[in-house]
Amino acid sequence: MPIYEKRTYDTGPAVIGELVKLYRSEGWPALEAGGFGENLVGYFFSDTGTLHQLVHLWRFDDDAARRDFWKRLFADDAFLAFAVKIRPLIQNQDVQLLHSAPWGPTP
């Protein structure tokens, strides 16, 4: 059964634009170039509730695949160069592991 990882990054109103710019110019290109985008379900911005959040959802075949993915990603030089730039912009990070319900559609 697949496992989903929801990552929520809280930023401030003054830095969300910079975060978006860095993801567009460096983050997403690094993910794609390294073949890491295949596990991504999508990126989302909060529009109601807690604002100034970037949420991303990842899909993995199992927990071993999830752990291997993050290990390989954080060994990628292009992604690390990007990560060093966005870390100061993130005030809080919340990671939630999810399993799909045994009914209804799954991403």
N, C-alpha and C. Protein backbone atom coordinates (compact mmCIF):
# COMPACT_ATOMS: atom_id res chain seq x y z
N MET A 1 0.84 -1.19 0.00
CA MET A 1 0.00 0.00 0.00
C MET A 1 0.89 1.24 0.00
N PRO A 2 0.59 2.20 -0.87
CA PRO A 2 1.43 3.40 -0.93
C PRO A 2 1.32 4.24 0.34
N ILE A 3 2.33 5.03 0.54
CA ILE A 3 2.37 5.96 1.66
C ILE A 3 2.51 7.37 1.08
N TYR A 4 1.83 8.31 1.69
CA TYR A 4 1.87 9.71 1.24
C TYR A 4 2.53 10.53 2.33
N GLU A 5 3.33 11.46 1.91
CA GLU A 5 3.99 12.36 2.87
C GLU A 5 3.58 13.78 2.54
N LYS A 6 2.94 14.42 3.52
CA LYS A 6 2.52 15.81 3.37
C LYS A 6 3.50 16.68 4.15
N ARG A 7 4.13 17.60 3.45
CA ARG A 7 5.08 18.52 4.08
C ARG A 7 4.49 19.92 4.00
N THR A 8 4.41 20.58 5.13
CA THR A 8 3.88 21.94 5.20
C THR A 8 4.98 22.85 5.72
N TYR A 9 5.31 23.87 4.94
CA TYR A 9 6.31 24.85 5.33
C TYR A 9 5.60 26.16 5.63
N ASP A 10 5.76 26.66 6.84
CA ASP A 10 5.23 27.96 7.23
C ASP A 10 6.29 29.02 6.96
N THR A 11 5.87 30.10 6.31
CA THR A 11 6.76 31.23 6.06
C THR A 11 6.06 32.48 6.56
N GLY A 12 6.67 33.60 6.38
CA GLY A 12 6.04 34.86 6.72
C GLY A 12 5.58 35.56 5.47
N PRO A 13 4.70 36.56 5.60
CA PRO A 13 4.20 37.26 4.42
C PRO A 13 5.30 37.97 3.64
N ALA A 14 6.36 38.35 4.30
CA ALA A 14 7.43 39.07 3.61
C ALA A 14 8.34 38.15 2.80
N VAL A 15 8.29 36.84 3.04
CA VAL A 15 9.23 35.94 2.37
C VAL A 15 8.58 34.93 1.43
N ILE A 16 7.27 34.84 1.42
CA ILE A 16 6.62 33.83 0.57
C ILE A 16 6.96 34.06 -0.90
N GLY A 17 7.04 35.31 -1.32
CA GLY A 17 7.40 35.62 -2.71
C GLY A 17 8.81 35.15 -3.05
N GLU A 18 9.72 35.32 -2.12
CA GLU A 18 11.10 34.86 -2.33
C GLU A 18 11.16 33.34 -2.39
N LEU A 19 10.37 32.68 -1.56
CA LEU A 19 10.31 31.21 -1.57
C LEU A 19 9.80 30.72 -2.93
N VAL A 20 8.75 31.35 -3.44
CA VAL A 20 8.20 30.97 -4.75
C VAL A 20 9.25 31.17 -5.84
N LYS A 21 9.92 32.29 -5.80
CA LYS A 21 10.95 32.59 -6.81
C LYS A 21 12.06 31.54 -6.78
N LEU A 22 12.52 31.16 -5.60
CA LEU A 22 13.59 30.16 -5.49
C LEU A 22 13.13 28.78 -5.95
N TYR A 23 11.89 28.41 -5.62
CA TYR A 23 11.38 27.11 -6.10
C TYR A 23 11.29 27.09 -7.62
N ARG A 24 10.83 28.19 -8.21
CA ARG A 24 10.72 28.25 -9.67
C ARG A 24 12.07 28.21 -10.36
N SER A 25 13.02 28.98 -9.85
CA SER A 25 14.29 29.12 -10.54
C SER A 25 15.30 28.03 -10.22
N GLU A 26 15.23 27.45 -9.00
CA GLU A 26 16.24 26.48 -8.60
C GLU A 26 15.68 25.17 -8.06
N GLY A 27 14.67 25.24 -7.22
CA GLY A 27 14.15 24.05 -6.56
C GLY A 27 13.53 23.04 -7.52
N TRP A 28 12.53 23.48 -8.26
CA TRP A 28 11.86 22.56 -9.18
C TRP A 28 12.80 22.09 -10.29
N PRO A 29 13.61 22.97 -10.89
CA PRO A 29 14.57 22.48 -11.88
C PRO A 29 15.53 21.42 -11.31
N ALA A 30 15.97 21.57 -10.07
CA ALA A 30 16.85 20.57 -9.46
C ALA A 30 16.11 19.26 -9.24
N LEU A 31 14.86 19.34 -8.79
CA LEU A 31 14.07 18.12 -8.60
C LEU A 31 13.87 17.39 -9.92
N GLU A 32 13.52 18.11 -10.96
CA GLU A 32 13.30 17.49 -12.27
C GLU A 32 14.58 16.91 -12.85
N ALA A 33 15.66 17.66 -12.77
CA ALA A 33 16.93 17.22 -13.35
C ALA A 33 17.43 15.94 -12.67
N GLY A 34 17.18 15.82 -11.39
CA GLY A 34 17.62 14.63 -10.65
C GLY A 34 16.64 13.47 -10.73
N GLY A 35 15.50 13.66 -11.41
CA GLY A 35 14.49 12.62 -11.51
C GLY A 35 13.65 12.47 -10.26
N PHE A 36 13.65 13.48 -9.41
CA PHE A 36 12.93 13.39 -8.14
C PHE A 36 11.48 13.84 -8.23
N GLY A 37 11.07 14.44 -9.32
CA GLY A 37 9.71 14.92 -9.47
C GLY A 37 8.68 13.82 -9.66
N GLU A 38 9.14 12.62 -9.96
CA GLU A 38 8.21 11.52 -10.22
C GLU A 38 7.35 11.15 -9.01
N ASN A 39 7.85 11.37 -7.82
CA ASN A 39 7.09 11.04 -6.61
C ASN A 39 6.17 12.17 -6.15
N LEU A 40 6.27 13.31 -6.77
CA LEU A 40 5.49 14.46 -6.34
C LEU A 40 4.06 14.39 -6.84
N VAL A 41 3.11 14.50 -5.91
CA VAL A 41 1.70 14.59 -6.27
C VAL A 41 1.39 16.03 -6.64
N GLY A 42 1.90 16.98 -5.84
CA GLY A 42 1.69 18.39 -6.16
C GLY A 42 2.15 19.32 -5.06
N TYR A 43 2.32 20.59 -5.45
CA TYR A 43 2.59 21.69 -4.53
C TYR A 43 1.34 22.53 -4.42
N PHE A 44 1.10 23.07 -3.24
CA PHE A 44 -0.11 23.85 -2.99
C PHE A 44 0.21 25.02 -2.07
N PHE A 45 -0.56 26.11 -2.21
CA PHE A 45 -0.47 27.25 -1.29
C PHE A 45 -1.75 27.33 -0.49
N SER A 46 -1.63 27.72 0.77
CA SER A 46 -2.83 27.92 1.57
C SER A 46 -3.53 29.20 1.11
N ASP A 47 -4.85 29.14 1.07
CA ASP A 47 -5.65 30.29 0.66
C ASP A 47 -6.60 30.71 1.77
N THR A 48 -6.89 29.79 2.67
CA THR A 48 -7.71 30.08 3.85
C THR A 48 -7.04 29.41 5.04
N GLY A 49 -7.54 29.70 6.22
CA GLY A 49 -6.92 29.12 7.41
C GLY A 49 -5.57 29.77 7.65
N THR A 50 -4.58 28.98 8.02
CA THR A 50 -3.24 29.50 8.24
C THR A 50 -2.64 29.88 6.89
N LEU A 51 -2.26 31.14 6.75
CA LEU A 51 -1.74 31.64 5.48
C LEU A 51 -0.23 31.54 5.42
N HIS A 52 0.32 31.82 4.25
CA HIS A 52 1.75 31.84 4.00
C HIS A 52 2.36 30.46 4.22
N GLN A 53 1.66 29.44 3.69
CA GLN A 53 2.14 28.07 3.78
C GLN A 53 2.36 27.51 2.38
N LEU A 54 3.41 26.73 2.26
CA LEU A 54 3.64 25.94 1.06
C LEU A 54 3.46 24.48 1.48
N VAL A 55 2.55 23.79 0.83
CA VAL A 55 2.26 22.39 1.14
C VAL A 55 2.65 21.55 -0.06
N HIS A 56 3.36 20.47 0.19
CA HIS A 56 3.64 19.55 -0.91
C HIS A 56 3.33 18.13 -0.47
N LEU A 57 2.81 17.36 -1.42
CA LEU A 57 2.38 15.99 -1.17
C LEU A 57 3.18 15.06 -2.06
N TRP A 58 3.76 14.03 -1.43
CA TRP A 58 4.61 13.06 -2.11
C TRP A 58 4.00 11.67 -1.97
N ARG A 59 4.20 10.83 -2.99
CA ARG A 59 3.69 9.45 -2.97
C ARG A 59 4.86 8.49 -3.11
N PHE A 60 4.87 7.48 -2.23
CA PHE A 60 5.91 6.46 -2.24
C PHE A 60 5.27 5.08 -2.15
N ASP A 61 5.94 4.08 -2.71
CA ASP A 61 5.41 2.71 -2.66
C ASP A 61 5.35 2.18 -1.23
N ASP A 62 6.31 2.57 -0.41
CA ASP A 62 6.35 2.12 0.99
C ASP A 62 7.33 3.01 1.74
N ASP A 63 7.50 2.74 3.03
CA ASP A 63 8.37 3.58 3.85
C ASP A 63 9.83 3.45 3.45
N ALA A 64 10.26 2.28 3.02
CA ALA A 64 11.65 2.10 2.59
C ALA A 64 11.93 2.96 1.36
N ALA A 65 10.99 3.02 0.43
CA ALA A 65 11.15 3.87 -0.76
C ALA A 65 11.17 5.34 -0.37
N ARG A 66 10.36 5.71 0.61
CA ARG A 66 10.33 7.10 1.09
C ARG A 66 11.67 7.48 1.69
N ARG A 67 12.20 6.63 2.54
CA ARG A 67 13.48 6.94 3.18
C ARG A 67 14.62 7.00 2.16
N ASP A 68 14.60 6.09 1.20
CA ASP A 68 15.62 6.08 0.16
C ASP A 68 15.53 7.35 -0.69
N PHE A 69 14.31 7.80 -0.99
CA PHE A 69 14.11 9.01 -1.78
C PHE A 69 14.76 10.22 -1.11
N TRP A 70 14.45 10.44 0.18
CA TRP A 70 14.99 11.60 0.88
C TRP A 70 16.50 11.50 1.03
N LYS A 71 17.02 10.30 1.22
CA LYS A 71 18.47 10.11 1.31
C LYS A 71 19.14 10.51 0.00
N ARG A 72 18.59 10.05 -1.12
CA ARG A 72 19.15 10.38 -2.44
C ARG A 72 18.99 11.87 -2.75
N LEU A 73 17.83 12.44 -2.40
CA LEU A 73 17.59 13.85 -2.68
C LEU A 73 18.59 14.74 -1.95
N PHE A 74 18.83 14.44 -0.68
CA PHE A 74 19.74 15.28 0.10
C PHE A 74 21.21 14.95 -0.15
N ALA A 75 21.47 14.05 -1.08
CA ALA A 75 22.83 13.81 -1.56
C ALA A 75 23.05 14.49 -2.91
N ASP A 76 22.01 15.10 -3.46
CA ASP A 76 22.07 15.75 -4.76
C ASP A 76 22.59 17.18 -4.60
N ASP A 77 23.71 17.49 -5.23
CA ASP A 77 24.35 18.80 -5.06
C ASP A 77 23.47 19.97 -5.49
N ALA A 78 22.77 19.83 -6.60
CA ALA A 78 21.92 20.92 -7.08
C ALA A 78 20.78 21.18 -6.09
N PHE A 79 20.18 20.12 -5.56
CA PHE A 79 19.11 20.32 -4.60
C PHE A 79 19.64 20.90 -3.29
N LEU A 80 20.80 20.45 -2.86
CA LEU A 80 21.38 20.98 -1.62
C LEU A 80 21.67 22.47 -1.73
N ALA A 81 22.16 22.90 -2.88
CA ALA A 81 22.42 24.33 -3.08
C ALA A 81 21.14 25.14 -2.93
N PHE A 82 20.03 24.59 -3.42
CA PHE A 82 18.72 25.23 -3.27
C PHE A 82 18.26 25.19 -1.81
N ALA A 83 18.39 24.02 -1.17
CA ALA A 83 17.91 23.84 0.21
C ALA A 83 18.58 24.82 1.17
N VAL A 84 19.85 25.09 0.97
CA VAL A 84 20.57 26.03 1.83
C VAL A 84 19.95 27.43 1.75
N LYS A 85 19.41 27.77 0.59
CA LYS A 85 18.82 29.10 0.40
C LYS A 85 17.41 29.20 0.98
N ILE A 86 16.64 28.11 0.95
CA ILE A 86 15.26 28.23 1.45
C ILE A 86 15.12 27.99 2.94
N ARG A 87 16.05 27.27 3.53
CA ARG A 87 15.92 26.97 4.97
C ARG A 87 15.71 28.21 5.83
N PRO A 88 16.45 29.30 5.61
CA PRO A 88 16.21 30.49 6.44
C PRO A 88 14.83 31.12 6.24
N LEU A 89 14.15 30.78 5.15
CA LEU A 89 12.83 31.36 4.86
C LEU A 89 11.70 30.58 5.52
N ILE A 90 11.99 29.39 6.01
CA ILE A 90 10.97 28.52 6.60
C ILE A 90 10.98 28.68 8.11
N GLN A 91 9.84 29.11 8.64
CA GLN A 91 9.72 29.32 10.08
C GLN A 91 9.40 28.02 10.82
N ASN A 92 8.63 27.15 10.17
CA ASN A 92 8.22 25.90 10.78
C ASN A 92 7.98 24.88 9.67
N GLN A 93 8.29 23.63 9.96
CA GLN A 93 8.04 22.55 9.01
C GLN A 93 7.25 21.46 9.73
N ASP A 94 6.18 21.01 9.10
CA ASP A 94 5.37 19.93 9.64
C ASP A 94 5.33 18.81 8.60
N VAL A 95 5.67 17.60 9.01
CA VAL A 95 5.66 16.45 8.12
C VAL A 95 4.65 15.45 8.65
N GLN A 96 3.75 15.03 7.78
CA GLN A 96 2.70 14.09 8.16
C GLN A 96 2.70 12.93 7.18
N LEU A 97 2.74 11.70 7.70
CA LEU A 97 2.66 10.51 6.85
C LEU A 97 1.22 10.04 6.82
N LEU A 98 0.73 9.74 5.62
CA LEU A 98 -0.67 9.40 5.42
C LEU A 98 -0.80 8.10 4.62
N HIS A 99 -1.83 7.35 4.91
CA HIS A 99 -2.20 6.17 4.12
C HIS A 99 -3.57 6.44 3.52
N SER A 100 -3.77 6.00 2.28
CA SER A 100 -5.07 6.24 1.66
C SER A 100 -6.13 5.33 2.28
N ALA A 101 -7.33 5.84 2.33
CA ALA A 101 -8.46 5.07 2.86
C ALA A 101 -8.78 3.92 1.90
N PRO A 102 -9.35 2.84 2.40
CA PRO A 102 -9.62 1.70 1.54
C PRO A 102 -10.86 1.88 0.64
N TRP A 103 -11.29 3.11 0.43
CA TRP A 103 -12.41 3.40 -0.47
C TRP A 103 -12.08 4.72 -1.18
N GLY A 104 -12.75 4.97 -2.25
CA GLY A 104 -12.61 6.23 -2.98
C GLY A 104 -11.34 6.31 -3.79
N PRO A 105 -11.18 7.40 -4.52
CA PRO A 105 -10.00 7.55 -5.39
C PRO A 105 -8.73 7.81 -4.58
N THR A 106 -7.62 7.49 -5.19
CA THR A 106 -6.32 7.80 -4.61
C THR A 106 -5.50 8.56 -5.66
N PRO A 107 -4.66 9.46 -5.21
CA PRO A 107 -3.85 10.23 -6.18
C PRO A 107 -2.86 9.34 -6.91
